[in-house]
Amino acid sequence: MSGNVREWVEDCYDDGYYKQFENQVAIDPLNKNQGQCRRSLRGGSWNFVDGLLTASFRYDDGSDRQTYAVGFRLVAFPASPD
């Protein structure tokens, strides 16, 4: 799905967070700041340059901004049998 739209994710955005993991496996920063934070956008959209069309690319943007290049993904789990 890379290159379709950037996706909102629950992670708090921190421009330098992943730099500390250059030589090791990164730890998921999900909600690392439990208070107010700017949420991350993940991936690149159809109008990005090639180098930014990766699932690992992170970006932040205002949640009140409207653009055709941002979306979200829904995940549904089947109901468990009773």
N, C-alpha and C. Protein backbone atom coordinates (compact mmCIF):
# COMPACT_ATOMS: atom_id res chain seq x y z
N MET A 1 0.81 -1.20 0.00
CA MET A 1 0.00 0.00 0.00
C MET A 1 0.85 1.27 0.00
N SER A 2 2.16 1.13 0.00
CA SER A 2 3.00 2.33 0.00
C SER A 2 2.70 3.17 -1.23
N GLY A 3 2.64 4.46 -1.01
CA GLY A 3 2.41 5.37 -2.13
C GLY A 3 0.96 5.72 -2.36
N ASN A 4 0.06 5.12 -1.61
CA ASN A 4 -1.35 5.45 -1.75
C ASN A 4 -1.62 6.77 -1.03
N VAL A 5 -1.65 6.78 0.28
CA VAL A 5 -1.76 8.00 1.09
C VAL A 5 -0.90 7.82 2.34
N ARG A 6 -0.52 8.94 2.94
CA ARG A 6 0.11 8.86 4.26
C ARG A 6 -0.99 8.47 5.23
N GLU A 7 -0.64 7.73 6.27
CA GLU A 7 -1.65 7.24 7.21
C GLU A 7 -1.40 7.80 8.60
N TRP A 8 -2.49 8.21 9.26
CA TRP A 8 -2.39 8.62 10.65
C TRP A 8 -2.11 7.38 11.49
N VAL A 9 -1.18 7.50 12.43
CA VAL A 9 -0.92 6.43 13.39
C VAL A 9 -0.97 7.02 14.80
N GLU A 10 -1.03 6.18 15.80
CA GLU A 10 -1.22 6.64 17.17
C GLU A 10 0.07 7.15 17.82
N ASP A 11 1.21 6.86 17.21
CA ASP A 11 2.50 7.29 17.77
C ASP A 11 2.58 8.79 17.91
N CYS A 12 3.22 9.24 18.99
CA CYS A 12 3.57 10.65 19.12
C CYS A 12 4.77 10.92 18.22
N TYR A 13 4.76 12.03 17.52
CA TYR A 13 5.85 12.34 16.60
C TYR A 13 7.03 12.94 17.35
N ASP A 14 8.21 12.42 17.05
CA ASP A 14 9.47 12.95 17.58
C ASP A 14 10.49 12.83 16.47
N ASP A 15 10.90 13.95 15.91
CA ASP A 15 11.79 13.96 14.75
C ASP A 15 13.08 13.18 14.96
N GLY A 16 13.62 13.18 16.16
CA GLY A 16 14.89 12.52 16.40
C GLY A 16 14.81 11.17 17.07
N TYR A 17 13.61 10.65 17.30
CA TYR A 17 13.45 9.42 18.08
C TYR A 17 14.21 8.24 17.49
N TYR A 18 14.08 7.98 16.20
CA TYR A 18 14.68 6.79 15.61
C TYR A 18 16.18 6.91 15.40
N LYS A 19 16.74 8.09 15.52
CA LYS A 19 18.18 8.26 15.33
C LYS A 19 18.98 7.48 16.37
N GLN A 20 18.42 7.27 17.54
CA GLN A 20 19.12 6.52 18.58
C GLN A 20 19.20 5.03 18.28
N PHE A 21 18.49 4.56 17.27
CA PHE A 21 18.47 3.14 16.94
C PHE A 21 19.20 2.82 15.64
N GLU A 22 20.18 3.62 15.27
CA GLU A 22 20.89 3.39 14.01
C GLU A 22 21.57 2.03 13.97
N ASN A 23 22.03 1.52 15.11
CA ASN A 23 22.78 0.26 15.15
C ASN A 23 22.08 -0.82 15.96
N GLN A 24 20.78 -0.67 16.16
CA GLN A 24 20.03 -1.67 16.91
C GLN A 24 18.57 -1.65 16.48
N VAL A 25 17.83 -2.63 16.93
CA VAL A 25 16.41 -2.71 16.59
C VAL A 25 15.66 -1.59 17.31
N ALA A 26 14.83 -0.89 16.57
CA ALA A 26 14.07 0.23 17.14
C ALA A 26 12.95 -0.27 18.05
N ILE A 27 12.66 0.50 19.06
CA ILE A 27 11.55 0.23 19.97
C ILE A 27 10.38 1.09 19.54
N ASP A 28 9.22 0.49 19.42
CA ASP A 28 8.03 1.21 18.98
C ASP A 28 7.70 2.33 19.97
N PRO A 29 7.61 3.57 19.50
CA PRO A 29 7.37 4.70 20.40
C PRO A 29 5.90 4.96 20.72
N LEU A 30 5.03 4.01 20.49
CA LEU A 30 3.60 4.19 20.67
C LEU A 30 3.27 4.92 21.97
N ASN A 31 2.68 6.08 21.83
CA ASN A 31 2.23 6.87 22.99
C ASN A 31 3.30 7.11 24.04
N LYS A 32 4.53 7.30 23.60
CA LYS A 32 5.60 7.47 24.59
C LYS A 32 5.40 8.72 25.43
N ASN A 33 4.70 9.69 24.91
CA ASN A 33 4.31 10.87 25.69
C ASN A 33 2.80 10.79 25.89
N GLN A 34 2.38 10.41 27.04
CA GLN A 34 0.96 10.17 27.25
C GLN A 34 0.11 11.43 27.23
N GLY A 35 0.73 12.60 27.35
CA GLY A 35 -0.03 13.84 27.33
C GLY A 35 -0.30 14.32 25.91
N GLN A 36 -0.37 15.61 25.75
CA GLN A 36 -0.60 16.19 24.43
C GLN A 36 0.63 15.96 23.55
N CYS A 37 0.41 15.59 22.33
CA CYS A 37 1.51 15.44 21.38
C CYS A 37 0.96 15.53 19.97
N ARG A 38 1.85 15.75 19.04
CA ARG A 38 1.45 15.72 17.63
C ARG A 38 1.55 14.28 17.15
N ARG A 39 0.50 13.79 16.57
CA ARG A 39 0.48 12.40 16.09
C ARG A 39 1.26 12.27 14.79
N SER A 40 1.74 11.07 14.54
CA SER A 40 2.57 10.79 13.37
C SER A 40 1.73 10.42 12.16
N LEU A 41 2.26 10.78 11.02
CA LEU A 41 1.79 10.27 9.74
C LEU A 41 2.85 9.29 9.27
N ARG A 42 2.43 8.16 8.74
CA ARG A 42 3.37 7.14 8.31
C ARG A 42 3.27 6.93 6.81
N GLY A 43 4.43 6.68 6.21
CA GLY A 43 4.47 6.36 4.78
C GLY A 43 4.45 7.60 3.92
N GLY A 44 4.40 7.38 2.64
CA GLY A 44 4.34 8.48 1.68
C GLY A 44 3.08 8.38 0.85
N SER A 45 2.72 9.47 0.25
CA SER A 45 1.51 9.46 -0.59
C SER A 45 1.91 9.44 -2.06
N TRP A 46 0.93 9.36 -2.90
CA TRP A 46 1.15 9.24 -4.34
C TRP A 46 1.89 10.44 -4.92
N ASN A 47 1.90 11.58 -4.24
CA ASN A 47 2.56 12.76 -4.79
C ASN A 47 3.91 13.05 -4.12
N PHE A 48 4.48 12.08 -3.40
CA PHE A 48 5.79 12.23 -2.77
C PHE A 48 6.90 11.78 -3.71
N VAL A 49 8.11 12.22 -3.43
CA VAL A 49 9.27 11.75 -4.20
C VAL A 49 9.57 10.31 -3.80
N ASP A 50 10.24 9.57 -4.67
CA ASP A 50 10.48 8.14 -4.47
C ASP A 50 11.11 7.80 -3.12
N GLY A 51 12.07 8.59 -2.66
CA GLY A 51 12.79 8.28 -1.44
C GLY A 51 11.93 8.31 -0.18
N LEU A 52 10.76 8.90 -0.26
CA LEU A 52 9.87 8.99 0.91
C LEU A 52 8.72 7.99 0.85
N LEU A 53 8.71 7.14 -0.14
CA LEU A 53 7.62 6.16 -0.28
C LEU A 53 7.96 4.87 0.45
N THR A 54 8.16 4.96 1.74
CA THR A 54 8.45 3.78 2.56
C THR A 54 7.54 3.78 3.77
N ALA A 55 7.24 2.60 4.28
CA ALA A 55 6.39 2.49 5.47
C ALA A 55 7.09 3.05 6.70
N SER A 56 8.41 3.14 6.67
CA SER A 56 9.14 3.64 7.84
C SER A 56 9.21 5.16 7.90
N PHE A 57 8.84 5.86 6.83
CA PHE A 57 8.90 7.31 6.83
C PHE A 57 7.84 7.87 7.78
N ARG A 58 8.26 8.77 8.68
CA ARG A 58 7.35 9.40 9.64
C ARG A 58 7.33 10.90 9.43
N TYR A 59 6.21 11.50 9.69
CA TYR A 59 6.02 12.93 9.46
C TYR A 59 4.95 13.39 10.44
N ASP A 60 4.92 14.67 10.74
CA ASP A 60 3.82 15.17 11.55
C ASP A 60 3.12 16.29 10.79
N ASP A 61 1.88 16.48 11.10
CA ASP A 61 1.09 17.51 10.45
C ASP A 61 -0.07 17.84 11.38
N GLY A 62 -0.63 18.98 11.23
CA GLY A 62 -1.76 19.36 12.07
C GLY A 62 -2.98 18.50 11.77
N SER A 63 -3.65 18.04 12.80
CA SER A 63 -4.82 17.19 12.59
C SER A 63 -6.00 17.95 12.01
N ASP A 64 -5.93 19.27 12.01
CA ASP A 64 -7.01 20.06 11.45
C ASP A 64 -6.79 20.40 9.97
N ARG A 65 -5.69 19.97 9.42
CA ARG A 65 -5.37 20.26 8.02
C ARG A 65 -6.05 19.24 7.11
N GLN A 66 -6.67 19.71 6.05
CA GLN A 66 -7.32 18.82 5.09
C GLN A 66 -6.45 18.70 3.85
N THR A 67 -6.24 17.47 3.42
CA THR A 67 -5.45 17.21 2.23
C THR A 67 -5.87 15.89 1.61
N TYR A 68 -5.69 15.76 0.34
CA TYR A 68 -6.03 14.53 -0.38
C TYR A 68 -4.95 13.47 -0.23
N ALA A 69 -3.83 13.79 0.42
CA ALA A 69 -2.70 12.88 0.52
C ALA A 69 -2.63 12.15 1.86
N VAL A 70 -3.64 12.31 2.72
CA VAL A 70 -3.64 11.68 4.04
C VAL A 70 -4.92 10.87 4.21
N GLY A 71 -4.78 9.70 4.77
CA GLY A 71 -5.94 8.85 5.03
C GLY A 71 -5.72 8.05 6.30
N PHE A 72 -6.47 6.99 6.46
CA PHE A 72 -6.29 6.10 7.60
C PHE A 72 -6.72 4.72 7.17
N ARG A 73 -6.27 3.72 7.90
CA ARG A 73 -6.58 2.33 7.59
C ARG A 73 -7.41 1.75 8.73
N LEU A 74 -8.44 1.05 8.38
CA LEU A 74 -9.28 0.38 9.37
C LEU A 74 -8.91 -1.09 9.43
N VAL A 75 -8.90 -1.63 10.62
CA VAL A 75 -8.62 -3.04 10.80
C VAL A 75 -9.81 -3.65 11.51
N ALA A 76 -10.31 -4.74 10.98
CA ALA A 76 -11.44 -5.42 11.60
C ALA A 76 -11.04 -6.85 11.93
N PHE A 77 -11.41 -7.30 13.09
CA PHE A 77 -11.16 -8.67 13.49
C PHE A 77 -12.48 -9.42 13.46
N PRO A 78 -12.48 -10.65 12.97
CA PRO A 78 -13.74 -11.40 12.96
C PRO A 78 -14.21 -11.66 14.39
N ALA A 79 -15.51 -11.72 14.54
CA ALA A 79 -16.08 -11.99 15.86
C ALA A 79 -15.65 -13.38 16.31
N SER A 80 -15.27 -13.51 17.56
CA SER A 80 -14.87 -14.81 18.06
C SER A 80 -16.11 -15.65 18.35
N PRO A 81 -16.06 -16.92 18.00
CA PRO A 81 -17.23 -17.79 18.25
C PRO A 81 -17.45 -17.97 19.75
N ASP A 82 -18.70 -17.94 20.15
CA ASP A 82 -19.03 -18.11 21.58
C ASP A 82 -19.24 -19.55 21.93
